[in-house]
Amino acid sequence: MEELTKTNRSGKVYLVGAGPGDPGLITVRGKYLLEKAEVLVYDYLASKKLLKHVPKDAILIYAGKRGGVKHTHTQEEINQMLVDHAKSGKVVVRLKGGDPFIFGRGGEEVQELYKAGVPFEVVPGVTSATAAATYAGIPITHRDFTASVAFLTGHEDPTKADSNIDWSKLATGAGTLVIYMGIKNLPIIVKNLLKHGRDPKTPVAVVRWASTPEQRSVVGTLETIADVVKDAGITPPSLIIVGEVVSLKESVDWFEKRPLFGRKIIVTRTREQASELMAGLEEAGANCIECSTINITPVENYTVLDGELERLDEYHWILFTSLNGVKYFFERLFAKGMDARDLKGPDIGVVGKSTADYLLQYGLNADLIPSVFTGEGLAESLLDQGIEGRNILIPRAQQAREILPETLRGAGAQVTIAPVYQNVPPAGRKEALREELEAGNVDMLTFTSSSTVRNFLTMVDAANEEELLSLLNGVKIAAIGPITAKTVTDNGLQVDIQPEEYTIPAMVEAIVDYFTKQ
């Protein structure tokens, strides 16, 4: 791949296929170009999650188009924006849903770039037709059913005199038909297929929001599908699949049969640490809403830690009670010109396996991992070893539970607490969180620490307990461990799920088991 840099002032436009909706289906080339974009012009059908790959200083231009809704920009305006930004020397990425050259008007945009003398490149994407069929469990070709498939648009009125679609040949000329943008004209499409010889009993599937957590599919026949779609309330964006291969859906379907499919789960972990939990839940089919209730920042004053770093060899133990404690401790250690070699003296204890795994990224193995992943469990493990007269350093949050240091001091240890980070509710998320809950379609809340619970309640800002219970009516709650669970119940709420092992993988497994039994 050529290197794209801000020193390359010639300017160029890249038409990139975003795929059908699942952000994981973008090509490696497409992701690379997003990371280099200086201007991004993106469509309605391109997943918003792809925007995280775009540099923060890039210019973002929404150019989405939806049927029945006034367009943000006309096609002519979009064409001109691409030309103008490229001629100003920018790396411009035009992100289009599906594939740019399959009913994406990419050809028109490229023609305008060519006329204007603007360099361009087109990056294919997974087209919505194949994705909709695959994610609905329908192979669009199959040796026992058909060896031919045709893609066509259902957007134009098939009854107009100058239609580009020859229904007399297409109706029976291809074994499988995949029709884009055809929901509005579905009755007319069905009428034309029947008129030109397609069997009324031909199976038909309609797939909405293919490959996304909102995917929904219905099945019928040519003579029933219009009523099926109407009764189910299926609306755009949807694709229509016509052919005998649709009969394979029941046996081939995999996407909609995942255990958490259709479940909307709010993840309240920090933005940086939500990925593992979200990935596990999404793999099981959940629609995860990232709603960070914690904003982790360094402490304003490192006086305590700086002093202790100068006498690390006097400590017998350093205890880490969270991933953030490890992260910010080492950030400060490195800033002082020190590294892991300076920790050769004290033993290191951690609160659980996840913290131990994270510590290993800094080149250190934990000397002590308790069997119970809590502050109490860590304290008990240390007491078993005898700590009277031992010097212990605990890098942790500015505000945290005191059970660990108090227990150790009670057993005769000399304990120093060194604040290395603080957590506060993030700004600007309250409205979005309230909207999700008020919509009444949230299935579960996940809490991974007491701070996520307290900050969630602050963000929700319920006037009283009655309003809080009303907002969370029908919403199940998962807490990672007993401490977090106690914070939930202390605030008048009920915990529905708590894994036996206090880890993210165990929490995901417990949530899957819960909904599977449901």
Protein backbone atom coordinates (compact mmCIF):
# COMPACT_ATOMS: atom_id res chain seq x y z
CA MET A 1 0.00 0.00 0.00
CA GLU A 2 1.21 3.48 -0.73
CA GLU A 3 1.86 5.70 2.24
CA LEU A 4 -0.77 8.45 2.61
CA THR A 5 0.50 11.46 4.52
CA LYS A 6 -0.50 15.03 5.05
CA THR A 7 2.57 16.03 3.01
CA ASN A 8 0.92 14.49 -0.05
CA ARG A 9 -0.82 17.64 -1.27
CA SER A 10 -2.03 16.43 -4.68
CA GLY A 11 -5.33 15.28 -3.21
CA LYS A 12 -7.20 12.13 -4.09
CA VAL A 13 -10.65 10.62 -3.62
CA TYR A 14 -11.14 7.04 -2.44
CA LEU A 15 -14.58 5.50 -2.92
CA VAL A 16 -14.72 2.85 -0.21
CA GLY A 17 -17.36 0.18 0.22
CA ALA A 18 -18.37 0.06 3.88
CA GLY A 19 -20.09 -3.30 3.56
CA PRO A 20 -23.69 -4.11 4.52
CA GLY A 21 -23.77 -2.82 8.11
CA ASP A 22 -21.57 -4.98 10.30
CA PRO A 23 -18.43 -2.82 10.80
CA GLY A 24 -16.32 -5.99 10.87
CA LEU A 25 -17.09 -6.62 7.20
CA ILE A 26 -15.14 -3.66 5.84
CA THR A 27 -12.04 -4.64 3.87
CA VAL A 28 -8.52 -4.25 5.27
CA ARG A 29 -7.85 -1.70 2.51
CA GLY A 30 -10.98 0.23 3.45
CA LYS A 31 -10.00 0.40 7.12
CA TYR A 32 -6.50 1.56 6.17
CA LEU A 33 -7.91 4.43 4.11
CA LEU A 34 -10.30 5.47 6.90
CA GLU A 35 -7.29 5.79 9.20
CA LYS A 36 -5.62 8.13 6.67
CA ALA A 37 -8.67 10.22 5.78
CA GLU A 38 -8.54 14.01 6.07
CA VAL A 39 -12.12 14.37 4.79
CA LEU A 40 -14.78 11.69 5.20
CA VAL A 41 -18.07 11.85 3.30
CA TYR A 42 -20.26 9.01 4.56
CA ASP A 43 -23.69 7.52 3.84
CA TYR A 44 -26.73 6.59 5.89
CA LEU A 45 -26.09 2.85 5.46
CA ALA A 46 -22.43 2.99 6.52
CA SER A 47 -22.01 1.85 10.12
CA LYS A 48 -21.29 4.73 12.50
CA LYS A 49 -18.89 2.41 14.35
CA LEU A 50 -16.51 2.77 11.42
CA LEU A 51 -16.01 6.43 12.34
CA LYS A 52 -13.76 5.40 15.24
CA HIS A 53 -11.07 4.57 12.68
CA VAL A 54 -11.05 8.13 11.33
CA PRO A 55 -8.49 10.65 12.70
CA LYS A 56 -9.98 13.05 15.22
CA ASP A 57 -8.96 16.10 13.20
CA ALA A 58 -10.61 14.86 9.99
CA ILE A 59 -13.56 16.73 8.48
CA LEU A 60 -16.71 14.58 8.70
CA ILE A 61 -19.55 15.21 6.25
CA TYR A 62 -22.79 13.26 6.51
CA ALA A 63 -24.35 12.77 3.08
CA GLY A 64 -26.97 10.16 3.89
CA LYS A 65 -30.02 9.57 1.74
CA ARG A 66 -33.21 7.85 2.88
CA GLY A 67 -36.36 7.08 0.97
CA GLY A 68 -39.16 9.51 1.78
CA VAL A 69 -36.81 11.84 3.65
CA LYS A 70 -35.28 15.05 2.33
CA HIS A 71 -31.66 14.37 1.46
CA THR A 72 -28.89 16.05 3.46
CA HIS A 73 -27.09 16.84 0.18
CA THR A 74 -28.09 16.33 -3.42
CA GLN A 75 -25.95 14.04 -5.56
CA GLU A 76 -24.66 17.07 -7.43
CA GLU A 77 -23.59 18.70 -4.15
CA ILE A 78 -21.83 15.50 -3.07
CA ASN A 79 -19.97 15.31 -6.36
CA GLN A 80 -18.81 18.90 -6.02
CA MET A 81 -17.69 18.40 -2.39
CA LEU A 82 -15.50 15.50 -3.44
CA VAL A 83 -13.93 17.54 -6.21
CA ASP A 84 -13.39 20.66 -4.08
CA HIS A 85 -11.79 18.89 -1.13
CA ALA A 86 -9.52 16.82 -3.36
CA LYS A 87 -8.40 19.91 -5.29
CA SER A 88 -7.53 21.56 -1.97
CA GLY A 89 -4.99 18.77 -1.47
CA LYS A 90 -6.98 16.56 0.90
CA VAL A 91 -7.14 12.79 1.20
CA VAL A 92 -10.89 12.29 0.74
CA VAL A 93 -12.69 9.07 1.60
CA ARG A 94 -16.20 8.60 0.24
CA LEU A 95 -17.65 5.86 2.45
CA LYS A 96 -20.63 4.14 0.85
CA GLY A 97 -22.84 1.37 2.18
CA GLY A 98 -22.34 -2.01 0.53
CA ASP A 99 -20.29 -1.83 -2.66
CA PRO A 100 -19.82 1.55 -4.41
CA PHE A 101 -20.52 0.11 -7.86
CA ILE A 102 -23.64 -1.91 -7.06
CA PHE A 103 -26.61 0.47 -6.89
CA GLY A 104 -24.41 2.89 -4.95
CA ARG A 105 -24.09 5.64 -7.60
CA GLY A 106 -20.36 5.20 -7.34
CA GLY A 107 -20.05 5.14 -11.11
CA GLU A 108 -21.64 8.58 -11.35
CA GLU A 109 -19.29 10.03 -8.75
CA VAL A 110 -16.25 8.57 -10.49
CA GLN A 111 -17.37 10.07 -13.80
CA GLU A 112 -17.52 13.52 -12.21
CA LEU A 113 -14.07 13.07 -10.66
CA TYR A 114 -12.69 12.03 -14.04
CA LYS A 115 -14.19 15.10 -15.72
CA ALA A 116 -12.66 17.34 -13.05
CA GLY A 117 -9.25 15.71 -13.40
CA VAL A 118 -9.26 14.44 -9.80
CA PRO A 119 -7.32 11.21 -9.05
CA PHE A 120 -9.46 8.46 -7.56
CA GLU A 121 -9.50 4.83 -6.42
CA VAL A 122 -12.44 2.52 -5.84
CA VAL A 123 -12.33 -0.06 -3.03
CA PRO A 124 -15.00 -2.78 -3.33
CA GLY A 125 -17.19 -3.70 -0.39
CA VAL A 126 -19.35 -6.65 0.62
CA THR A 127 -22.57 -5.91 -1.22
CA SER A 128 -25.82 -5.95 0.71
CA ALA A 129 -27.29 -8.61 -1.59
CA THR A 130 -24.86 -11.36 -0.67
CA ALA A 131 -24.74 -10.23 2.96
CA ALA A 132 -28.51 -10.19 3.37
CA ALA A 133 -28.78 -13.69 1.95
CA THR A 134 -25.84 -15.07 3.93
CA TYR A 135 -26.89 -13.52 7.23
CA ALA A 136 -30.45 -14.75 6.71
CA GLY A 137 -29.19 -18.29 6.09
CA ILE A 138 -29.86 -18.31 2.34
CA PRO A 139 -27.19 -19.40 -0.15
CA ILE A 140 -28.06 -17.40 -3.27
CA THR A 141 -26.63 -20.17 -5.44
CA HIS A 142 -26.77 -23.89 -4.76
CA ARG A 143 -26.06 -26.77 -7.14
CA ASP A 144 -29.34 -28.47 -6.24
CA PHE A 145 -31.43 -25.36 -6.90
CA THR A 146 -29.82 -22.80 -9.20
CA ALA A 147 -26.58 -21.76 -10.84
CA SER A 148 -27.69 -18.23 -11.73
CA VAL A 149 -28.48 -15.08 -9.79
CA ALA A 150 -29.49 -11.56 -10.81
CA PHE A 151 -29.25 -8.31 -8.87
CA LEU A 152 -31.79 -5.62 -9.70
CA THR A 153 -33.17 -2.45 -8.25
CA GLY A 154 -36.73 -2.24 -7.06
CA HIS A 155 -36.50 1.50 -6.61
CA GLU A 156 -37.83 2.45 -9.99
CA ASP A 157 -41.49 2.00 -10.83
CA PRO A 158 -41.66 -1.23 -12.86
CA THR A 159 -44.81 0.01 -14.61
CA LYS A 160 -43.20 3.00 -16.27
CA ALA A 161 -42.87 2.81 -20.05
CA ASP A 162 -39.10 3.30 -20.19
CA SER A 163 -38.15 0.90 -17.37
CA ASN A 164 -34.59 -0.45 -17.53
CA ILE A 165 -35.77 -3.79 -16.15
CA ASP A 166 -36.96 -6.40 -18.65
CA TRP A 167 -39.28 -8.36 -16.42
CA SER A 168 -40.26 -10.74 -19.23
CA LYS A 169 -36.71 -12.10 -19.30
CA LEU A 170 -35.75 -11.70 -15.63
CA ALA A 171 -38.88 -13.33 -14.17
CA THR A 172 -37.74 -16.81 -15.18
CA GLY A 173 -34.28 -16.08 -16.60
CA ALA A 174 -32.37 -16.31 -13.30
CA GLY A 175 -32.82 -18.88 -10.57
CA THR A 176 -32.37 -16.36 -7.77
CA LEU A 177 -33.37 -12.71 -7.85
CA VAL A 178 -32.05 -10.26 -5.29
CA ILE A 179 -33.91 -6.96 -5.36
CA TYR A 180 -32.50 -3.82 -3.76
CA MET A 181 -34.70 -1.01 -2.44
CA GLY A 182 -37.93 -2.77 -3.37
CA ILE A 183 -40.17 -2.62 -0.29
CA LYS A 184 -42.21 0.34 -1.49
CA ASN A 185 -42.84 -1.32 -4.85
CA LEU A 186 -43.11 -4.90 -3.57
CA PRO A 187 -46.74 -5.47 -4.73
CA ILE A 188 -45.85 -4.21 -8.22
CA ILE A 189 -42.68 -6.33 -8.35
CA VAL A 190 -44.65 -9.43 -7.37
CA LYS A 191 -47.29 -8.65 -9.97
CA ASN A 192 -44.69 -8.39 -12.74
CA LEU A 193 -42.93 -11.60 -11.74
CA LEU A 194 -46.23 -13.52 -11.73
CA LYS A 195 -47.33 -11.91 -14.97
CA HIS A 196 -44.19 -13.11 -16.73
CA GLY A 197 -44.29 -16.70 -15.57
CA ARG A 198 -42.75 -17.04 -12.13
CA ASP A 199 -44.50 -19.70 -10.01
CA PRO A 200 -46.74 -18.13 -7.32
CA LYS A 201 -45.39 -20.71 -4.85
CA THR A 202 -41.80 -19.50 -5.31
CA PRO A 203 -40.27 -18.86 -1.84
CA VAL A 204 -39.43 -15.24 -1.01
CA ALA A 205 -37.48 -13.73 1.89
CA VAL A 206 -37.22 -10.10 2.91
CA VAL A 207 -34.28 -9.06 5.09
CA ARG A 208 -34.09 -5.73 6.90
CA TRP A 209 -30.84 -4.17 8.20
CA ALA A 210 -28.83 -7.20 7.09
CA SER A 211 -25.78 -8.20 9.20
CA THR A 212 -26.61 -5.77 12.01
CA PRO A 213 -28.08 -6.49 15.46
CA GLU A 214 -31.33 -4.97 14.15
CA GLN A 215 -31.61 -7.54 11.37
CA ARG A 216 -35.04 -8.98 10.86
CA SER A 217 -36.19 -11.40 8.19
CA VAL A 218 -39.54 -12.79 7.08
CA VAL A 219 -40.40 -15.53 4.61
CA GLY A 220 -43.36 -16.16 2.35
CA THR A 221 -44.13 -16.93 -1.27
CA LEU A 222 -44.74 -14.65 -4.22
CA GLU A 223 -48.47 -14.82 -3.58
CA THR A 224 -48.17 -14.07 0.18
CA ILE A 225 -45.02 -12.00 0.73
CA ALA A 226 -46.64 -8.57 0.31
CA ASP A 227 -49.08 -9.33 3.12
CA VAL A 228 -46.35 -10.94 5.27
CA VAL A 229 -44.19 -7.82 4.98
CA LYS A 230 -47.10 -5.51 5.73
CA ASP A 231 -48.22 -7.53 8.77
CA ALA A 232 -44.66 -7.69 10.13
CA GLY A 233 -44.12 -3.96 9.70
CA ILE A 234 -40.97 -4.45 7.61
CA THR A 235 -39.65 -1.12 6.30
CA PRO A 236 -36.52 0.02 4.42
CA PRO A 237 -33.64 -0.62 4.28
CA SER A 238 -34.55 -4.14 3.17
CA LEU A 239 -33.65 -6.57 0.41
CA ILE A 240 -35.91 -9.08 -1.32
CA ILE A 241 -34.65 -12.56 -2.24
CA VAL A 242 -36.73 -14.61 -4.67
CA GLY A 243 -35.99 -18.23 -5.49
CA GLU A 244 -36.06 -21.85 -4.37
CA VAL A 245 -32.86 -21.30 -2.34
CA VAL A 246 -34.98 -19.44 0.23
CA SER A 247 -36.33 -22.84 1.30
CA LEU A 248 -32.89 -23.59 2.79
CA LYS A 249 -33.19 -20.81 5.35
CA GLU A 250 -34.48 -22.98 8.18
CA SER A 251 -31.48 -25.32 8.06
CA VAL A 252 -28.76 -22.83 7.08
CA ASP A 253 -29.74 -19.86 9.27
CA TRP A 254 -26.99 -19.11 11.79
CA PHE A 255 -27.05 -15.38 12.48
CA GLU A 256 -30.53 -14.99 13.91
CA LYS A 257 -30.22 -18.21 15.95
CA ARG A 258 -27.38 -16.90 18.14
CA PRO A 259 -28.36 -16.96 21.84
CA LEU A 260 -28.39 -13.19 22.38
CA PHE A 261 -29.77 -12.18 18.99
CA GLY A 262 -32.28 -9.37 19.32
CA ARG A 263 -31.20 -8.53 22.89
CA LYS A 264 -30.20 -4.93 23.53
CA ILE A 265 -27.60 -4.66 26.30
CA ILE A 266 -26.15 -1.47 27.75
CA VAL A 267 -22.46 -1.75 28.64
CA THR A 268 -21.48 0.76 31.31
CA ARG A 269 -17.76 0.04 31.46
CA THR A 270 -15.14 2.68 30.64
CA ARG A 271 -14.81 3.33 26.93
CA GLU A 272 -11.27 1.93 26.91
CA GLN A 273 -12.24 -1.27 28.72
CA ALA A 274 -15.67 -1.94 27.20
CA SER A 275 -14.31 -3.70 24.11
CA GLU A 276 -13.75 -7.13 25.69
CA LEU A 277 -17.23 -7.27 27.21
CA MET A 278 -18.90 -5.90 24.10
CA ALA A 279 -17.01 -8.27 21.81
CA GLY A 280 -18.08 -11.29 23.87
CA LEU A 281 -21.73 -10.23 23.96
CA GLU A 282 -21.82 -9.26 20.27
CA GLU A 283 -20.31 -12.60 19.27
CA ALA A 284 -23.34 -14.16 20.94
CA GLY A 285 -25.63 -11.88 18.92
CA ALA A 286 -26.36 -9.02 21.32
CA ASN A 287 -26.95 -5.45 20.22
CA CYS A 288 -24.58 -3.65 22.58
CA ILE A 289 -24.95 0.01 23.39
CA GLU A 290 -21.70 1.47 24.69
CA CYS A 291 -22.63 3.93 27.42
CA SER A 292 -19.54 4.61 29.45
CA THR A 293 -20.43 5.75 32.94
CA ILE A 294 -16.82 6.29 33.92
CA ASN A 295 -14.23 8.72 32.65
CA ILE A 296 -10.82 7.65 33.91
CA THR A 297 -8.21 10.39 34.24
CA PRO A 298 -4.82 10.68 35.97
CA VAL A 299 -4.80 12.29 39.41
CA GLU A 300 -3.83 15.95 39.46
CA ASN A 301 -1.03 15.38 41.97
CA TYR A 302 1.42 12.47 42.02
CA THR A 303 3.30 13.63 45.11
CA VAL A 304 2.60 10.47 47.13
CA LEU A 305 3.53 8.03 44.36
CA ASP A 306 6.63 10.00 43.33
CA GLY A 307 7.95 9.79 46.85
CA GLU A 308 7.30 6.05 47.10
CA LEU A 309 8.90 5.32 43.74
CA GLU A 310 12.19 6.58 45.16
CA ARG A 311 12.13 3.91 47.86
CA LEU A 312 10.58 0.91 46.11
CA ASP A 313 13.28 -1.36 47.49
CA GLU A 314 11.84 -0.79 50.98
CA TYR A 315 8.51 -2.42 50.04
CA HIS A 316 7.69 -6.08 50.50
CA TRP A 317 4.48 -5.96 48.44
CA ILE A 318 2.85 -3.84 45.71
CA LEU A 319 -0.86 -4.57 45.30
CA PHE A 320 -2.92 -3.77 42.22
CA THR A 321 -6.69 -3.86 42.60
CA SER A 322 -7.64 -2.89 39.01
CA LEU A 323 -6.39 -2.65 35.45
CA ASN A 324 -6.41 1.13 35.75
CA GLY A 325 -4.18 0.94 38.80
CA VAL A 326 -1.63 -0.98 36.74
CA LYS A 327 -1.92 1.34 33.74
CA TYR A 328 -1.49 4.65 35.55
CA PHE A 329 1.16 3.31 37.92
CA PHE A 330 3.35 2.32 35.01
CA GLU A 331 2.66 5.51 33.10
CA ARG A 332 4.04 7.46 36.04
CA LEU A 333 6.89 4.99 36.52
CA PHE A 334 7.97 5.46 32.91
CA ALA A 335 7.56 9.24 33.13
CA LYS A 336 10.07 9.23 35.99
CA GLY A 337 12.62 7.46 33.79
CA MET A 338 12.13 4.10 35.51
CA ASP A 339 10.93 0.73 34.19
CA ALA A 340 9.94 -2.79 35.28
CA ARG A 341 13.50 -3.55 36.43
CA ASP A 342 12.96 -1.15 39.33
CA LEU A 343 10.29 -3.54 40.69
CA LYS A 344 12.74 -6.40 41.27
CA GLY A 345 12.48 -6.10 45.05
CA PRO A 346 8.83 -6.29 46.16
CA ASP A 347 6.41 -9.12 45.42
CA ILE A 348 3.33 -8.18 43.41
CA GLY A 349 -0.24 -9.13 44.27
CA VAL A 350 -3.30 -8.55 42.08
CA VAL A 351 -7.01 -8.72 42.71
CA GLY A 352 -7.79 -11.15 39.88
CA LYS A 353 -6.76 -12.94 36.70
CA SER A 354 -7.63 -10.05 34.34
CA THR A 355 -5.38 -7.71 36.29
CA ALA A 356 -2.63 -10.36 36.26
CA ASP A 357 -2.94 -10.72 32.48
CA TYR A 358 -2.74 -6.97 32.04
CA LEU A 359 0.30 -6.77 34.33
CA LEU A 360 2.01 -9.32 32.11
CA GLN A 361 1.89 -6.79 29.26
CA TYR A 362 4.44 -4.80 31.27
CA GLY A 363 6.69 -7.82 31.54
CA LEU A 364 5.80 -8.87 35.09
CA ASN A 365 4.16 -11.97 36.50
CA ALA A 366 1.94 -11.59 39.55
CA ASP A 367 3.27 -13.38 42.62
CA LEU A 368 -0.17 -13.64 44.20
CA ILE A 369 -3.63 -14.06 42.66
CA PRO A 370 -6.38 -14.81 45.19
CA SER A 371 -8.89 -17.57 44.58
CA VAL A 372 -11.67 -15.04 45.20
CA PHE A 373 -11.28 -11.98 42.95
CA THR A 374 -12.17 -9.25 45.45
CA GLY A 375 -10.34 -6.93 47.81
CA GLU A 376 -11.40 -9.21 50.63
CA GLY A 377 -10.04 -12.22 48.77
CA LEU A 378 -6.70 -10.50 48.21
CA ALA A 379 -6.51 -9.47 51.87
CA GLU A 380 -7.25 -13.03 53.04
CA SER A 381 -4.55 -14.47 50.76
CA LEU A 382 -2.00 -12.03 52.15
CA LEU A 383 -2.99 -12.75 55.74
CA ASP A 384 -2.35 -16.45 55.11
CA GLN A 385 1.25 -15.55 54.27
CA GLY A 386 1.79 -13.40 57.34
CA ILE A 387 2.20 -9.66 56.84
CA GLU A 388 2.96 -8.25 60.26
CA GLY A 389 5.65 -5.57 59.90
CA ARG A 390 5.52 -5.74 56.10
CA ASN A 391 5.56 -2.57 53.97
CA ILE A 392 2.80 -2.60 51.37
CA LEU A 393 2.14 -0.11 48.55
CA ILE A 394 -1.31 0.09 46.94
CA PRO A 395 -1.54 2.23 43.75
CA ARG A 396 -5.26 2.74 43.22
CA ALA A 397 -8.12 5.16 42.52
CA GLN A 398 -8.29 8.39 44.46
CA GLN A 399 -11.54 7.19 46.00
CA ALA A 400 -11.92 3.46 46.61
CA ARG A 401 -13.11 0.92 49.16
CA GLU A 402 -10.98 0.84 52.31
CA ILE A 403 -11.52 -2.81 53.21
CA LEU A 404 -8.15 -3.97 51.81
CA PRO A 405 -5.86 -1.40 53.48
CA GLU A 406 -7.83 -1.48 56.74
CA THR A 407 -7.63 -5.28 56.95
CA LEU A 408 -3.90 -5.28 56.26
CA ARG A 409 -3.23 -2.54 58.80
CA GLY A 410 -5.27 -4.44 61.34
CA ALA A 411 -2.89 -7.38 60.85
CA GLY A 412 0.15 -5.20 61.55
CA ALA A 413 1.22 -4.20 58.03
CA GLN A 414 2.48 -0.72 57.10
CA VAL A 415 0.22 0.29 54.20
CA THR A 416 0.72 3.28 51.89
CA ILE A 417 -2.04 4.27 49.48
CA ALA A 418 -0.81 6.07 46.36
CA PRO A 419 -3.64 7.55 44.24
CA VAL A 420 -2.81 7.16 40.55
CA TYR A 421 -6.17 7.77 38.83
CA GLN A 422 -9.65 9.12 39.44
CA ASN A 423 -13.01 8.32 37.89
CA VAL A 424 -15.84 10.74 37.24
CA PRO A 425 -19.07 10.50 35.23
CA PRO A 426 -18.39 11.48 31.60
CA ALA A 427 -20.07 14.54 30.18
CA GLY A 428 -22.58 14.51 27.34
CA ARG A 429 -24.05 11.00 27.72
CA LYS A 430 -26.98 11.61 30.06
CA GLU A 431 -29.50 12.39 27.31
CA ALA A 432 -28.54 9.40 25.18
CA LEU A 433 -28.77 7.05 28.15
CA ARG A 434 -32.18 8.35 29.17
CA GLU A 435 -33.48 8.00 25.60
CA GLU A 436 -32.43 4.34 25.42
CA LEU A 437 -34.19 3.53 28.69
CA GLU A 438 -37.30 5.57 27.98
CA ALA A 439 -37.69 3.80 24.62
CA GLY A 440 -38.38 0.65 26.63
CA ASN A 441 -36.43 -1.79 24.45
CA VAL A 442 -33.35 -2.35 26.65
CA ASP A 443 -33.03 -5.94 27.86
CA MET A 444 -30.08 -5.68 30.23
CA LEU A 445 -27.63 -3.42 32.05
CA THR A 446 -24.13 -4.65 32.85
CA PHE A 447 -22.07 -3.34 35.76
CA THR A 448 -18.42 -4.24 36.24
CA SER A 449 -17.62 -2.14 39.32
CA SER A 450 -19.31 -0.19 42.05
CA SER A 451 -18.25 3.02 40.30
CA THR A 452 -20.19 2.07 37.18
CA VAL A 453 -23.31 1.63 39.32
CA ARG A 454 -22.95 4.93 41.19
CA ASN A 455 -22.10 6.90 38.07
CA PHE A 456 -24.94 5.27 36.13
CA LEU A 457 -27.40 6.45 38.77
CA THR A 458 -25.89 9.94 38.61
CA MET A 459 -26.23 10.02 34.82
CA VAL A 460 -29.80 8.71 34.81
CA ASP A 461 -30.67 11.42 37.34
CA ALA A 462 -34.00 9.90 38.38
CA ALA A 463 -36.08 12.22 40.54
CA ASN A 464 -36.86 9.41 42.98
CA GLU A 465 -36.80 5.64 43.39
CA GLU A 466 -40.20 5.30 41.74
CA GLU A 467 -38.97 7.00 38.55
CA LEU A 468 -35.78 4.88 38.58
CA LEU A 469 -37.77 1.66 38.86
CA SER A 470 -40.06 2.84 36.08
CA LEU A 471 -37.11 3.53 33.78
CA LEU A 472 -35.66 0.09 34.50
CA ASN A 473 -38.94 -1.79 34.28
CA GLY A 474 -38.22 -5.10 32.56
CA VAL A 475 -34.48 -4.39 32.38
CA LYS A 476 -32.34 -7.19 33.81
CA ILE A 477 -29.11 -6.37 35.67
CA ALA A 478 -25.82 -8.25 35.52
CA ALA A 479 -23.10 -7.52 38.11
CA ILE A 480 -19.60 -8.92 37.80
CA GLY A 481 -19.13 -9.77 41.49
CA PRO A 482 -20.53 -9.50 45.02
CA ILE A 483 -19.15 -6.03 45.73
CA THR A 484 -20.70 -4.60 42.59
CA ALA A 485 -23.90 -6.53 43.28
CA LYS A 486 -24.14 -5.09 46.78
CA THR A 487 -23.87 -1.57 45.38
CA VAL A 488 -26.74 -2.38 43.04
CA THR A 489 -28.98 -3.76 45.80
CA ASP A 490 -28.03 -0.95 48.21
CA ASN A 491 -29.61 1.40 45.67
CA GLY A 492 -32.92 -0.44 45.61
CA LEU A 493 -32.33 -2.51 42.46
CA GLN A 494 -32.28 -6.26 41.88
CA VAL A 495 -29.35 -8.24 40.50
CA ASP A 496 -30.44 -10.96 38.06
CA ILE A 497 -27.05 -12.31 37.00
CA GLN A 498 -23.76 -12.69 38.87
CA PRO A 499 -21.09 -15.09 37.56
CA GLU A 500 -19.38 -17.50 39.91
CA GLU A 501 -15.99 -16.30 38.68
CA TYR A 502 -15.60 -12.52 38.71
CA THR A 503 -14.21 -12.10 35.19
CA ILE A 504 -15.50 -10.68 31.91
CA PRO A 505 -15.54 -14.07 30.07
CA ALA A 506 -17.46 -15.62 32.96
CA MET A 507 -19.89 -12.70 32.94
CA VAL A 508 -20.53 -13.13 29.20
CA GLU A 509 -21.11 -16.86 29.71
CA ALA A 510 -23.54 -16.21 32.58
CA ILE A 511 -25.53 -13.72 30.47
CA VAL A 512 -25.73 -16.18 27.57
CA ASP A 513 -26.87 -18.96 29.90
CA TYR A 514 -29.52 -16.70 31.42
CA PHE A 515 -31.12 -15.73 28.12
CA THR A 516 -30.77 -19.25 26.70
CA LYS A 517 -32.88 -20.53 29.57
CA GLN A 518 -35.37 -17.72 29.01
